[in-house]
């Protein structure tokens, strides 16, 4: 595909870079090199995540036709790729809710845990893990109901806790995450294929690490719950404080002989976008694939950098593209009781970043930007992210829209929808988290 001219079509050019990043992370392009040979016994495929459907399709397409294969993978609603020659026939794919778990995810987790029992040392378990698996693979700890888990999960999502903190709590309030699925598979050999959606590619954080050791502790989980003022039932808190909900640790013998392979990472996708920009004649600079913090504040920092480039050719010379990834957070501002539904905030990390960026850019000439989640869904809405241009604020002002008010209620979706600047792609069937690209001409 030929790159659009960035000078004449900046939005299309930034969308082109986003698509280059997404293509690099598609499972069918990245799985073959990491598949082991069929074992003497059975091969069982288990997995969870937003990329679960496409990962299962890739394994089935690449697995020898005459070798036994069966399994179950859970993915987000509407994230099963359309029927293709690679569609699964031997691996069952089911759908459940994300980011707040539901009964379908509970049933899927129960079935997956049941399938893991009774394996032998001659059997192989292929675990397909990607972002979103924490919500999709939900099996509450003893004494915790699904409804309580939903409430705790929702509170974590609105608290401003980072992904490592959230998943520490999730591991210790689960019967399947934090290495417990691997323990259930013993004595079978376990090979985990993971698509990273977390800063630093920490496999124990991706989907709360169901098949890898957990170095965090019950005490860590208690501290996080207290830090963000999140309540759990008293009996469950007592179990945490006593260490009774501890996870398998790195020195546990259950993990001996297991393998973990990252088949796609945020950095690889950023490099693919950078290569596409350079092929179009622009310098490209990757700031980091590990950026965290409040989305709007990260947007302001990016704006300061873009303004320096636009005005002084520092620290980079224009024309150029500035890229970054990672997983920012949004602390949801509470709205007064009785606030009409149409005035409540909607949106996710990418949109909030774009509002913070636009507010700080103040219409800076020569700067355009796109931020989007690589799974195609920003939060729980139907958009992947949003687009910012030099005229964003002035166009909004002409419609009587003040960006401060939209930021106050975390309403990025409402703001960019009225400007027709939402980026809508539909599910991409992969997930390497936040993608941000700023074009400076």
Protein backbone atom coordinates (compact mmCIF):
# COMPACT_ATOMS: atom_id res chain seq x y z
CA UNK A 1 0.00 0.00 0.00
CA UNK A 2 1.34 3.41 -1.02
CA UNK A 3 1.64 5.92 1.80
CA UNK A 4 -0.64 8.98 1.58
CA UNK A 5 1.14 12.31 1.16
CA UNK A 6 1.60 13.61 4.74
CA UNK A 7 1.55 17.25 3.59
CA UNK A 8 -1.78 16.95 1.79
CA UNK A 9 -3.44 14.19 3.80
CA UNK A 10 -2.06 14.25 7.35
CA UNK A 11 -4.94 12.31 8.85
CA UNK A 12 -4.80 9.53 6.28
CA UNK A 13 -1.04 9.38 6.70
CA UNK A 14 -1.30 8.94 10.48
CA UNK A 15 -3.98 6.26 10.00
CA UNK A 16 -1.59 4.55 7.57
CA UNK A 17 1.08 4.44 10.29
CA UNK A 18 -1.44 3.03 12.77
CA UNK A 19 -2.36 0.27 10.33
CA UNK A 20 1.33 -0.56 9.83
CA UNK A 21 1.67 -0.96 13.59
CA UNK A 22 -1.40 -3.21 13.78
CA UNK A 23 -0.29 -5.41 10.87
CA UNK A 24 3.03 -6.09 12.59
CA UNK A 25 1.17 -7.52 15.59
CA UNK A 26 -1.22 -9.87 13.77
CA UNK A 27 -0.76 -13.45 15.04
CA UNK A 28 -0.73 -15.16 11.64
CA UNK A 29 2.43 -13.20 10.77
CA UNK A 30 4.27 -14.06 13.98
CA UNK A 31 3.33 -17.50 15.31
CA UNK A 32 5.07 -20.09 13.13
CA UNK A 33 8.58 -19.55 14.50
CA UNK A 34 7.47 -20.30 18.06
CA UNK A 35 5.34 -23.42 17.60
CA UNK A 36 6.86 -26.60 19.11
CA UNK A 37 6.68 -29.97 17.42
CA UNK A 38 3.60 -32.08 18.15
CA UNK A 39 4.10 -34.14 21.32
CA UNK A 40 3.85 -37.87 21.95
CA UNK A 41 0.51 -37.32 23.69
CA UNK A 42 -2.28 -34.78 23.29
CA UNK A 43 -2.01 -31.11 22.34
CA UNK A 44 -4.39 -28.85 24.22
CA UNK A 45 -4.82 -25.18 23.29
CA UNK A 46 -6.04 -22.89 26.09
CA UNK A 47 -6.11 -19.12 26.05
CA UNK A 48 -7.68 -15.78 26.77
CA UNK A 49 -7.40 -12.23 25.46
CA UNK A 50 -8.58 -9.77 22.86
CA UNK A 51 -6.31 -11.47 20.32
CA UNK A 52 -7.44 -14.93 21.40
CA UNK A 53 -9.57 -15.61 18.32
CA UNK A 54 -6.90 -14.68 15.80
CA UNK A 55 -4.20 -16.48 17.80
CA UNK A 56 -6.29 -19.65 17.77
CA UNK A 57 -6.83 -19.28 14.03
CA UNK A 58 -3.08 -18.90 13.49
CA UNK A 59 -2.24 -22.00 15.52
CA UNK A 60 -4.84 -24.10 13.73
CA UNK A 61 -3.70 -22.91 10.30
CA UNK A 62 -0.06 -23.69 11.09
CA UNK A 63 -0.49 -26.94 13.06
CA UNK A 64 0.08 -30.18 11.09
CA UNK A 65 -3.25 -31.40 9.76
CA UNK A 66 -2.55 -34.99 10.84
CA UNK A 67 -1.56 -34.05 14.42
CA UNK A 68 -4.25 -34.09 17.15
CA UNK A 69 -5.34 -30.66 18.35
CA UNK A 70 -8.16 -29.46 20.58
CA UNK A 71 -8.85 -26.64 23.00
CA UNK A 72 -10.80 -23.62 24.16
CA UNK A 73 -9.98 -19.92 23.91
CA UNK A 74 -12.03 -16.99 25.23
CA UNK A 75 -11.98 -13.56 23.60
CA UNK A 76 -13.94 -10.32 23.84
CA UNK A 77 -17.41 -10.04 22.33
CA UNK A 78 -17.19 -9.31 18.58
CA UNK A 79 -13.45 -10.05 18.50
CA UNK A 80 -13.62 -13.35 16.64
CA UNK A 81 -12.14 -12.73 13.17
CA UNK A 82 -14.53 -13.27 10.24
CA UNK A 83 -14.64 -16.67 8.58
CA UNK A 84 -11.52 -17.39 6.54
CA UNK A 85 -9.57 -20.44 5.45
CA UNK A 86 -7.77 -20.09 8.80
CA UNK A 87 -11.00 -20.33 10.82
CA UNK A 88 -10.87 -22.81 13.66
CA UNK A 89 -12.50 -26.22 13.55
CA UNK A 90 -10.60 -27.99 16.32
CA UNK A 91 -10.17 -25.11 18.77
CA UNK A 92 -13.39 -23.73 20.23
CA UNK A 93 -13.60 -19.93 20.56
CA UNK A 94 -16.08 -18.39 22.98
CA UNK A 95 -16.81 -14.73 23.76
CA UNK A 96 -17.13 -12.85 27.04
CA UNK A 97 -17.14 -9.32 28.44
CA UNK A 98 -14.27 -6.87 28.74
CA UNK A 99 -13.20 -4.79 30.67
CA UNK A 100 -15.67 -5.84 33.37
CA UNK A 101 -16.09 -9.64 33.56
CA UNK A 102 -19.40 -11.43 33.11
CA UNK A 103 -20.96 -14.86 33.57
CA UNK A 104 -19.78 -16.04 30.13
CA UNK A 105 -16.17 -15.39 31.15
CA UNK A 106 -16.74 -17.26 34.40
CA UNK A 107 -18.09 -20.31 32.58
CA UNK A 108 -15.20 -20.20 30.09
CA UNK A 109 -12.63 -20.04 32.90
CA UNK A 110 -14.28 -22.96 34.68
CA UNK A 111 -14.18 -25.02 31.47
CA UNK A 112 -10.55 -24.12 30.78
CA UNK A 113 -9.48 -25.07 34.30
CA UNK A 114 -11.37 -28.37 34.03
CA UNK A 115 -9.71 -29.18 30.69
CA UNK A 116 -6.28 -28.60 32.26
CA UNK A 117 -6.74 -31.35 34.84
CA UNK A 118 -5.76 -34.94 34.10
CA UNK A 119 -2.94 -34.24 31.64
CA UNK A 120 0.23 -36.34 31.51
CA UNK A 121 3.91 -35.60 30.99
CA UNK A 122 3.51 -36.66 27.35
CA UNK A 123 0.95 -33.93 26.70
CA UNK A 124 1.52 -30.38 25.47
CA UNK A 125 -0.46 -27.31 26.45
CA UNK A 126 -0.26 -24.30 24.14
CA UNK A 127 -1.45 -21.25 26.10
CA UNK A 128 -2.42 -18.26 23.94
CA UNK A 129 -2.32 -15.14 26.08
CA UNK A 130 -3.01 -11.52 25.15
CA UNK A 131 -4.21 -8.33 26.75
CA UNK A 132 -7.73 -8.37 28.10
CA UNK A 133 -7.35 -11.87 29.47
CA UNK A 134 -7.60 -10.63 33.05
CA UNK A 135 -11.28 -9.77 32.59
CA UNK A 136 -12.09 -12.53 30.14
CA UNK A 137 -10.60 -15.33 32.26
CA UNK A 138 -12.46 -14.67 35.47
CA UNK A 139 -12.68 -17.25 38.25
CA UNK A 140 -13.09 -15.49 41.61
CA UNK A 141 -11.19 -16.70 44.65
CA UNK A 142 -13.05 -18.71 47.26
CA UNK A 143 -15.45 -16.48 49.19
CA UNK A 144 -15.77 -13.94 46.35
CA UNK A 145 -18.80 -13.78 44.07
CA UNK A 146 -18.81 -12.72 40.44
CA UNK A 147 -20.78 -9.62 41.38
CA UNK A 148 -18.16 -8.64 43.96
CA UNK A 149 -15.39 -9.28 41.44
CA UNK A 150 -17.20 -7.05 38.93
CA UNK A 151 -17.46 -4.24 41.46
CA UNK A 152 -13.78 -4.51 42.44
CA UNK A 153 -12.73 -4.63 38.79
CA UNK A 154 -14.80 -1.55 37.97
CA UNK A 155 -13.34 0.32 40.94
CA UNK A 156 -9.80 -0.57 39.83
CA UNK A 157 -10.50 0.68 36.30
CA UNK A 158 -11.68 4.06 37.62
CA UNK A 159 -9.04 4.44 40.34
CA UNK A 160 -6.06 5.50 38.23
CA UNK A 161 -4.12 2.37 39.23
CA UNK A 162 -1.63 1.24 36.60
CA UNK A 163 -1.89 -2.13 34.87
CA UNK A 164 0.68 -3.85 37.09
CA UNK A 165 -1.19 -2.73 40.21
CA UNK A 166 -4.55 -3.80 38.87
CA UNK A 167 -3.27 -7.19 37.81
CA UNK A 168 -1.54 -7.79 41.14
CA UNK A 169 -4.95 -7.54 42.79
CA UNK A 170 -6.63 -9.60 40.09
CA UNK A 171 -4.09 -12.43 40.48
CA UNK A 172 -4.66 -12.75 44.19
CA UNK A 173 -8.43 -12.68 43.86
CA UNK A 174 -8.47 -15.46 41.24
CA UNK A 175 -8.34 -19.25 41.09
CA UNK A 176 -6.84 -19.33 37.59
CA UNK A 177 -4.55 -16.30 37.14
CA UNK A 178 -1.10 -15.65 38.62
CA UNK A 179 0.37 -19.00 37.51
CA UNK A 180 -2.51 -21.12 38.78
CA UNK A 181 -3.49 -22.34 35.31
CA UNK A 182 0.04 -23.65 34.77
CA UNK A 183 -0.13 -25.46 38.11
CA UNK A 184 -3.38 -27.10 37.02
CA UNK A 185 -1.73 -28.33 33.80
CA UNK A 186 1.03 -30.25 35.60
CA UNK A 187 2.76 -32.52 34.71
CA UNK A 188 2.18 -31.56 31.05
CA UNK A 189 4.64 -29.37 29.19
CA UNK A 190 3.35 -25.79 28.88
CA UNK A 191 4.37 -23.42 26.08
CA UNK A 192 2.93 -19.91 26.40
CA UNK A 193 2.65 -17.71 23.31
CA UNK A 194 1.92 -14.14 24.36
CA UNK A 195 1.16 -10.83 22.68
CA UNK A 196 2.33 -8.07 24.99
CA UNK A 197 0.10 -5.14 25.87
CA UNK A 198 1.99 -4.01 28.97
CA UNK A 199 4.91 -1.64 29.61
CA UNK A 200 8.17 -3.58 29.76
CA UNK A 201 6.59 -6.74 28.25
CA UNK A 202 6.33 -8.32 31.70
CA UNK A 203 4.72 -11.69 30.93
CA UNK A 204 3.49 -12.03 34.51
CA UNK A 205 1.36 -8.92 33.97
CA UNK A 206 -0.07 -9.79 30.53
CA UNK A 207 -3.59 -11.08 31.25
CA UNK A 208 -2.47 -11.43 34.88
CA UNK A 209 -0.03 -14.20 33.97
CA UNK A 210 -2.14 -17.39 34.21
CA UNK A 211 0.75 -19.63 33.16
CA UNK A 212 3.80 -17.86 34.58
CA UNK A 213 5.20 -17.35 38.11
CA UNK A 214 4.05 -14.37 40.14
CA UNK A 215 6.61 -12.39 42.13
CA UNK A 216 4.00 -10.17 43.79
CA UNK A 217 2.42 -11.05 47.13
CA UNK A 218 -0.84 -10.93 49.03
CA UNK A 219 0.68 -8.06 51.02
CA UNK A 220 1.24 -6.15 47.78
CA UNK A 221 -2.40 -6.65 46.82
CA UNK A 222 -3.56 -5.42 50.23
CA UNK A 223 -1.41 -2.30 49.92
CA UNK A 224 -2.84 -1.50 46.48
CA UNK A 225 -6.43 -1.95 47.64
CA UNK A 226 -5.77 0.37 50.56
CA UNK A 227 -3.89 2.91 48.44
CA UNK A 228 -6.86 3.39 46.13
CA UNK A 229 -9.57 2.95 48.75
CA UNK A 230 -11.08 -0.14 47.13
CA UNK A 231 -13.21 -2.26 49.43
CA UNK A 232 -13.32 -6.06 49.38
CA UNK A 233 -15.41 -8.34 51.60
CA UNK A 234 -13.97 -8.61 55.10
CA UNK A 235 -13.48 -12.38 54.88
CA UNK A 236 -11.52 -12.01 51.65
CA UNK A 237 -9.38 -9.20 53.09
CA UNK A 238 -8.58 -11.46 56.05
CA UNK A 239 -7.43 -14.21 53.67
CA UNK A 240 -5.21 -11.72 51.85
CA UNK A 241 -3.74 -10.43 55.11
CA UNK A 242 -3.03 -14.01 56.21
CA UNK A 243 -1.37 -14.85 52.88
CA UNK A 244 -3.93 -17.58 52.24
CA UNK A 245 -4.52 -16.46 48.63
CA UNK A 246 -0.84 -16.55 47.64
CA UNK A 247 0.16 -17.33 44.06
CA UNK A 248 2.85 -19.77 42.78
CA UNK A 249 6.30 -18.15 42.91
CA UNK A 250 9.27 -18.20 40.49
CA UNK A 251 11.03 -21.01 42.38
CA UNK A 252 8.00 -23.31 42.20
CA UNK A 253 8.87 -26.63 40.55
CA UNK A 254 5.61 -26.56 38.62
CA UNK A 255 7.18 -24.18 36.10
CA UNK A 256 10.20 -26.35 35.25
CA UNK A 257 10.45 -27.03 31.53
CA UNK A 258 7.86 -24.42 30.62
CA UNK A 259 8.52 -21.95 27.80
CA UNK A 260 7.23 -18.43 27.20
CA UNK A 261 7.53 -16.64 23.87
CA UNK A 262 6.48 -13.08 23.03
CA UNK A 263 5.20 -13.26 19.47
CA UNK A 264 4.34 -9.55 19.19
CA UNK A 265 5.28 -6.51 21.28
CA UNK A 266 4.54 -2.77 21.37
CA UNK A 267 8.12 -1.93 20.40
CA UNK A 268 7.93 -4.07 17.26
CA UNK A 269 4.76 -2.28 16.18
CA UNK A 270 6.26 1.14 16.82
CA UNK A 271 9.29 0.14 14.76
CA UNK A 272 6.99 -0.94 11.92
CA UNK A 273 5.28 2.47 11.99
CA UNK A 274 8.66 4.22 12.10
CA UNK A 275 9.83 2.23 9.09
CA UNK A 276 6.67 3.19 7.18
CA UNK A 277 7.23 6.87 8.00
CA UNK A 278 10.85 6.74 6.90
CA UNK A 279 9.87 5.03 3.66
CA UNK A 280 7.62 8.03 3.04
CA UNK A 281 10.60 10.38 3.44
CA UNK A 282 10.13 11.52 7.03
CA UNK A 283 12.39 11.14 10.03
CA UNK A 284 10.74 9.02 12.74
CA UNK A 285 11.54 9.02 16.45
CA UNK A 286 10.30 6.46 18.98
CA UNK A 287 10.14 8.00 22.43
CA UNK A 288 9.27 4.82 24.35
CA UNK A 289 6.98 1.81 24.30
CA UNK A 290 6.59 1.94 28.10
CA UNK A 291 4.87 5.27 28.80
CA UNK A 292 2.53 5.35 31.78
CA UNK A 293 0.75 8.04 33.79
CA UNK A 294 -2.47 10.02 33.53
CA UNK A 295 -3.49 10.12 29.86
CA UNK A 296 -4.20 13.85 29.77
CA UNK A 297 -0.85 14.62 31.43
CA UNK A 298 1.04 12.40 29.01
CA UNK A 299 -0.74 14.31 26.24
CA UNK A 300 0.50 17.62 27.65
CA UNK A 301 4.10 16.36 27.74
CA UNK A 302 3.84 15.21 24.12
CA UNK A 303 2.41 18.62 23.21
CA UNK A 304 5.38 20.42 24.76
CA UNK A 305 7.74 18.28 22.73
CA UNK A 306 5.79 18.79 19.49
CA UNK A 307 5.70 22.58 19.99
CA UNK A 308 9.47 22.64 20.52
CA UNK A 309 9.98 20.74 17.28
CA UNK A 310 7.53 22.93 15.35
CA UNK A 311 8.99 26.21 16.65
CA UNK A 312 12.70 25.52 17.15
CA UNK A 313 13.54 22.23 15.42
CA UNK A 314 14.49 20.85 18.85
CA UNK A 315 15.11 18.15 19.92
CA UNK A 316 14.16 16.83 16.46
CA UNK A 317 14.16 18.58 13.10
CA UNK A 318 10.91 18.80 11.17
CA UNK A 319 9.41 17.30 9.14
CA UNK A 320 9.20 14.26 11.37
CA UNK A 321 6.96 11.78 13.12
CA UNK A 322 7.10 11.23 16.90
CA UNK A 323 5.88 7.83 18.10
CA UNK A 324 5.16 6.37 21.52
CA UNK A 325 3.35 3.49 23.17
CA UNK A 326 2.64 2.06 26.59
CA UNK A 327 -0.44 2.05 28.80
CA UNK A 328 -1.64 5.27 30.34
CA UNK A 329 -4.48 5.56 32.85
CA UNK A 330 -7.60 7.64 33.31
CA UNK A 331 -8.78 8.61 36.77
CA UNK A 332 -12.50 9.02 36.26
CA UNK A 333 -13.88 12.21 37.82
CA UNK A 334 -17.04 11.54 39.80
CA UNK A 335 -20.07 13.40 38.50
CA UNK A 336 -22.76 14.87 40.79
CA UNK A 337 -25.66 12.56 41.58
CA UNK A 338 -28.45 12.97 39.07
CA UNK A 339 -26.20 14.07 36.20
CA UNK A 340 -28.13 13.34 32.96
CA UNK A 341 -26.81 10.37 31.01
CA UNK A 342 -25.99 12.53 27.98
CA UNK A 343 -23.71 14.67 30.18
CA UNK A 344 -21.71 11.78 31.60
CA UNK A 345 -18.26 11.17 30.23
CA UNK A 346 -17.51 8.53 27.62
CA UNK A 347 -14.17 7.54 26.23
CA UNK A 348 -10.88 5.83 26.93
CA UNK A 349 -7.16 6.42 27.32
CA UNK A 350 -6.47 7.40 23.72
CA UNK A 351 -9.22 10.00 23.56
CA UNK A 352 -8.24 11.46 26.93
CA UNK A 353 -4.63 11.72 25.70
CA UNK A 354 -5.85 13.58 22.60
CA UNK A 355 -7.85 16.06 24.69
CA UNK A 356 -4.82 16.77 26.89
CA UNK A 357 -2.66 17.11 23.78
CA UNK A 358 -5.07 19.47 21.98
CA UNK A 359 -5.53 21.61 25.07
CA UNK A 360 -1.77 22.07 25.47
CA UNK A 361 -1.00 22.51 21.76
CA UNK A 362 -3.38 25.51 21.62
CA UNK A 363 -3.74 25.22 17.86
CA UNK A 364 -0.03 24.97 17.13
CA UNK A 365 0.47 25.23 13.37
CA UNK A 366 2.02 22.28 11.57
CA UNK A 367 1.16 19.62 14.19
CA UNK A 368 -1.28 16.74 13.72
CA UNK A 369 -1.69 13.69 15.92
CA UNK A 370 -3.47 10.37 16.23
CA UNK A 371 -3.79 8.20 19.32
CA UNK A 372 -5.56 4.87 19.24
CA UNK A 373 -5.67 1.52 20.99
CA UNK A 374 -4.23 -1.20 18.78
CA UNK A 375 -7.15 -3.52 19.54
CA UNK A 376 -9.48 -1.04 17.81
CA UNK A 377 -11.48 -0.23 20.95
CA UNK A 378 -10.72 2.76 23.19
CA UNK A 379 -12.20 1.81 26.55
CA UNK A 380 -15.70 0.46 25.95
CA UNK A 381 -16.75 2.62 23.00
CA UNK A 382 -16.81 1.84 19.26
CA UNK A 383 -13.79 3.98 18.38
CA UNK A 384 -10.10 3.11 18.45
CA UNK A 385 -9.07 6.65 19.37
CA UNK A 386 -9.10 10.18 18.01
CA UNK A 387 -7.38 12.66 15.70
CA UNK A 388 -6.03 16.14 16.55
CA UNK A 389 -5.30 18.94 14.07
CA UNK A 390 -4.19 22.58 14.37
CA UNK A 391 -7.83 23.67 14.01
CA UNK A 392 -9.28 21.23 16.59
CA UNK A 393 -9.84 23.85 19.31
CA UNK A 394 -11.11 26.54 16.94
CA UNK A 395 -13.60 24.18 15.31
CA UNK A 396 -14.81 23.08 18.72
CA UNK A 397 -15.16 26.69 19.88
CA UNK A 398 -17.28 27.46 16.81
CA UNK A 399 -19.65 24.73 18.04
CA UNK A 400 -19.71 26.20 21.54
CA UNK A 401 -17.57 23.39 22.97
CA UNK A 402 -15.00 24.12 25.68
CA UNK A 403 -12.42 21.40 26.04
CA UNK A 404 -12.01 22.02 29.78
CA UNK A 405 -15.61 20.96 30.39
CA UNK A 406 -15.14 17.75 28.44
CA UNK A 407 -11.94 16.96 30.31
CA UNK A 408 -13.73 17.57 33.62
CA UNK A 409 -16.15 14.75 32.86
CA UNK A 410 -13.70 12.50 30.92
CA UNK A 411 -15.83 12.88 27.78
CA UNK A 412 -13.34 12.43 24.95
CA UNK A 413 -15.86 10.45 22.92
CA UNK A 414 -18.41 13.24 23.04
CA UNK A 415 -15.83 15.89 22.18
CA UNK A 416 -14.27 14.22 19.15
CA UNK A 417 -17.54 12.75 17.87
CA UNK A 418 -18.97 16.24 17.37
CA UNK A 419 -15.84 17.17 15.44
CA UNK A 420 -16.06 13.99 13.34
CA UNK A 421 -12.54 13.22 14.55
CA UNK A 422 -13.06 9.83 16.16
CA UNK A 423 -10.85 7.12 14.66
CA UNK A 424 -13.09 4.11 14.06
CA UNK A 425 -11.52 0.87 12.82
CA UNK A 426 -13.53 -1.92 14.42
CA UNK A 427 -11.74 -4.78 16.21
CA UNK A 428 -8.24 -5.43 14.85
CA UNK A 429 -7.88 -8.94 16.39
CA UNK A 430 -4.63 -8.11 18.10
CA UNK A 431 -3.56 -5.93 21.03
CA UNK A 432 -0.20 -4.26 21.72
CA UNK A 433 -1.85 -1.41 23.57
CA UNK A 434 -1.59 2.35 23.06
CA UNK A 435 -0.31 3.77 19.78
CA UNK A 436 0.45 7.48 19.48
CA UNK A 437 1.81 9.31 16.44
CA UNK A 438 2.48 13.04 16.10
CA UNK A 439 3.25 14.53 12.69
CA UNK A 440 5.19 17.80 12.64
CA UNK A 441 5.59 19.57 9.29
